[in-house]
Amino acid sequence: MKNLEPIIKLLTVIIEDRTVPRNIRAAADEAKKNLTEKSDSGWDIRLSSAISVLDEIINDPNMPIYTRTQIWNVVSMLESAKREL
């Protein structure tokens, strides 16, 4: 899928940011893997899985505000990509 490059870049920024708690970085990494690894699942399932993983952590009280904004942005981009399928 061609629209994923900006999403992958933003997830990478979150994963590499050491000021973000480890559990949030791990969730971002899991979402990134859902989108980048070869899988027998269709794109709709892979996108839904990534959205689900990020939705689980969105209300974490330890998350920096700027990271929460980045994750909302990623989720919005994933939902747009899913609608385009």
C-alpha atoms as a PDB file:
ATOM      1  CA  MET A   1       0.000   0.000   0.000  1.00  0.00           C
ATOM      2  CA  LYS A   2       1.522   3.311  -1.074  1.00  0.00           C
ATOM      3  CA  ASN A   3      -0.094   5.743   1.407  1.00  0.00           C
ATOM      4  CA  LEU A   4       1.621   4.213   4.426  1.00  0.00           C
ATOM      5  CA  GLU A   5       5.032   5.883   4.165  1.00  0.00           C
ATOM      6  CA  PRO A   6       4.116   8.988   6.256  1.00  0.00           C
ATOM      7  CA  ILE A   7       2.407   6.752   8.827  1.00  0.00           C
ATOM      8  CA  ILE A   8       5.464   4.503   9.118  1.00  0.00           C
ATOM      9  CA  LYS A   9       7.731   7.542   9.509  1.00  0.00           C
ATOM     10  CA  LEU A  10       5.579   8.989  12.282  1.00  0.00           C
ATOM     11  CA  LEU A  11       5.443   5.654  14.117  1.00  0.00           C
ATOM     12  CA  THR A  12       9.243   5.421  13.819  1.00  0.00           C
ATOM     13  CA  VAL A  13       9.599   8.874  15.395  1.00  0.00           C
ATOM     14  CA  ILE A  14       7.471   7.718  18.355  1.00  0.00           C
ATOM     15  CA  ILE A  15       9.396   4.430  18.679  1.00  0.00           C
ATOM     16  CA  GLU A  16      12.770   6.218  18.711  1.00  0.00           C
ATOM     17  CA  ASP A  17      11.713   8.952  21.176  1.00  0.00           C
ATOM     18  CA  ARG A  18      13.251   7.952  24.515  1.00  0.00           C
ATOM     19  CA  THR A  19      11.044  10.427  26.413  1.00  0.00           C
ATOM     20  CA  VAL A  20       8.013   8.268  25.529  1.00  0.00           C
ATOM     21  CA  PRO A  21       7.241   5.470  28.029  1.00  0.00           C
ATOM     22  CA  ARG A  22       8.330   1.998  26.965  1.00  0.00           C
ATOM     23  CA  ASN A  23       4.811   0.523  26.768  1.00  0.00           C
ATOM     24  CA  ILE A  24       3.732   3.258  24.362  1.00  0.00           C
ATOM     25  CA  ARG A  25       6.818   2.763  22.193  1.00  0.00           C
ATOM     26  CA  ALA A  26       6.102  -0.986  22.194  1.00  0.00           C
ATOM     27  CA  ALA A  27       2.518  -0.401  21.042  1.00  0.00           C
ATOM     28  CA  ALA A  28       3.735   1.919  18.266  1.00  0.00           C
ATOM     29  CA  ASP A  29       6.245  -0.756  17.236  1.00  0.00           C
ATOM     30  CA  GLU A  30       3.505  -3.405  17.167  1.00  0.00           C
ATOM     31  CA  ALA A  31       1.321  -1.156  14.997  1.00  0.00           C
ATOM     32  CA  LYS A  32       4.272  -0.559  12.660  1.00  0.00           C
ATOM     33  CA  LYS A  33       4.902  -4.300  12.387  1.00  0.00           C
ATOM     34  CA  ASN A  34       1.237  -4.870  11.533  1.00  0.00           C
ATOM     35  CA  LEU A  35       1.675  -2.490   8.618  1.00  0.00           C
ATOM     36  CA  THR A  36       5.122  -3.506   7.349  1.00  0.00           C
ATOM     37  CA  GLU A  37       5.518  -7.255   7.819  1.00  0.00           C
ATOM     38  CA  LYS A  38       4.421  -9.665   5.129  1.00  0.00           C
ATOM     39  CA  SER A  39       1.150 -11.255   6.085  1.00  0.00           C
ATOM     40  CA  ASP A  40      -1.628 -13.372   4.627  1.00  0.00           C
ATOM     41  CA  SER A  41      -4.123 -10.957   6.144  1.00  0.00           C
ATOM     42  CA  GLY A  42      -5.781  -8.383   3.936  1.00  0.00           C
ATOM     43  CA  TRP A  43      -5.006  -4.686   4.252  1.00  0.00           C
ATOM     44  CA  ASP A  44      -8.297  -3.994   6.001  1.00  0.00           C
ATOM     45  CA  ILE A  45      -7.395  -6.423   8.804  1.00  0.00           C
ATOM     46  CA  ARG A  46      -3.836  -5.096   9.088  1.00  0.00           C
ATOM     47  CA  LEU A  47      -5.044  -1.492   9.260  1.00  0.00           C
ATOM     48  CA  SER A  48      -7.717  -2.406  11.820  1.00  0.00           C
ATOM     49  CA  SER A  49      -5.138  -4.215  13.949  1.00  0.00           C
ATOM     50  CA  ALA A  50      -2.839  -1.188  13.949  1.00  0.00           C
ATOM     51  CA  ILE A  51      -5.736   1.125  14.864  1.00  0.00           C
ATOM     52  CA  SER A  52      -6.794  -1.216  17.669  1.00  0.00           C
ATOM     53  CA  VAL A  53      -3.294  -1.353  19.168  1.00  0.00           C
ATOM     54  CA  LEU A  54      -3.016   2.433  19.170  1.00  0.00           C
ATOM     55  CA  ASP A  55      -6.545   2.908  20.555  1.00  0.00           C
ATOM     56  CA  GLU A  56      -5.624   0.743  23.556  1.00  0.00           C
ATOM     57  CA  ILE A  57      -2.862   3.122  24.651  1.00  0.00           C
ATOM     58  CA  ILE A  58      -4.365   6.468  23.684  1.00  0.00           C
ATOM     59  CA  ASN A  59      -5.644   7.200  27.209  1.00  0.00           C
ATOM     60  CA  ASP A  60      -2.461   6.203  29.027  1.00  0.00           C
ATOM     61  CA  PRO A  61      -1.931   8.884  31.700  1.00  0.00           C
ATOM     62  CA  ASN A  62       1.868   8.647  31.342  1.00  0.00           C
ATOM     63  CA  MET A  63       1.818   9.584  27.667  1.00  0.00           C
ATOM     64  CA  PRO A  64       3.308  12.979  26.812  1.00  0.00           C
ATOM     65  CA  ILE A  65       0.745  15.320  25.251  1.00  0.00           C
ATOM     66  CA  TYR A  66       2.725  15.723  22.025  1.00  0.00           C
ATOM     67  CA  THR A  67       2.887  11.935  21.638  1.00  0.00           C
ATOM     68  CA  ARG A  68      -0.871  11.641  22.140  1.00  0.00           C
ATOM     69  CA  THR A  69      -1.324  14.180  19.350  1.00  0.00           C
ATOM     70  CA  GLN A  70       1.023  12.182  17.094  1.00  0.00           C
ATOM     71  CA  ILE A  71      -0.905   8.975  17.796  1.00  0.00           C
ATOM     72  CA  TRP A  72      -4.244  10.667  17.077  1.00  0.00           C
ATOM     73  CA  ASN A  73      -2.744  11.815  13.800  1.00  0.00           C
ATOM     74  CA  VAL A  74      -1.566   8.282  12.954  1.00  0.00           C
ATOM     75  CA  VAL A  75      -4.978   6.802  13.800  1.00  0.00           C
ATOM     76  CA  SER A  76      -6.677   9.413  11.621  1.00  0.00           C
ATOM     77  CA  MET A  77      -4.324   8.615   8.733  1.00  0.00           C
ATOM     78  CA  LEU A  78      -4.921   4.867   9.177  1.00  0.00           C
ATOM     79  CA  GLU A  79      -8.701   5.367   9.173  1.00  0.00           C
ATOM     80  CA  SER A  80      -8.421   7.418   5.975  1.00  0.00           C
ATOM     81  CA  ALA A  81      -6.321   4.678   4.364  1.00  0.00           C
ATOM     82  CA  LYS A  82      -8.890   2.101   5.434  1.00  0.00           C
ATOM     83  CA  ARG A  83     -11.736   4.118   3.857  1.00  0.00           C
ATOM     84  CA  GLU A  84      -9.785   4.255   0.584  1.00  0.00           C
ATOM     85  CA  LEU A  85      -9.727   0.461   0.291  1.00  0.00           C
END
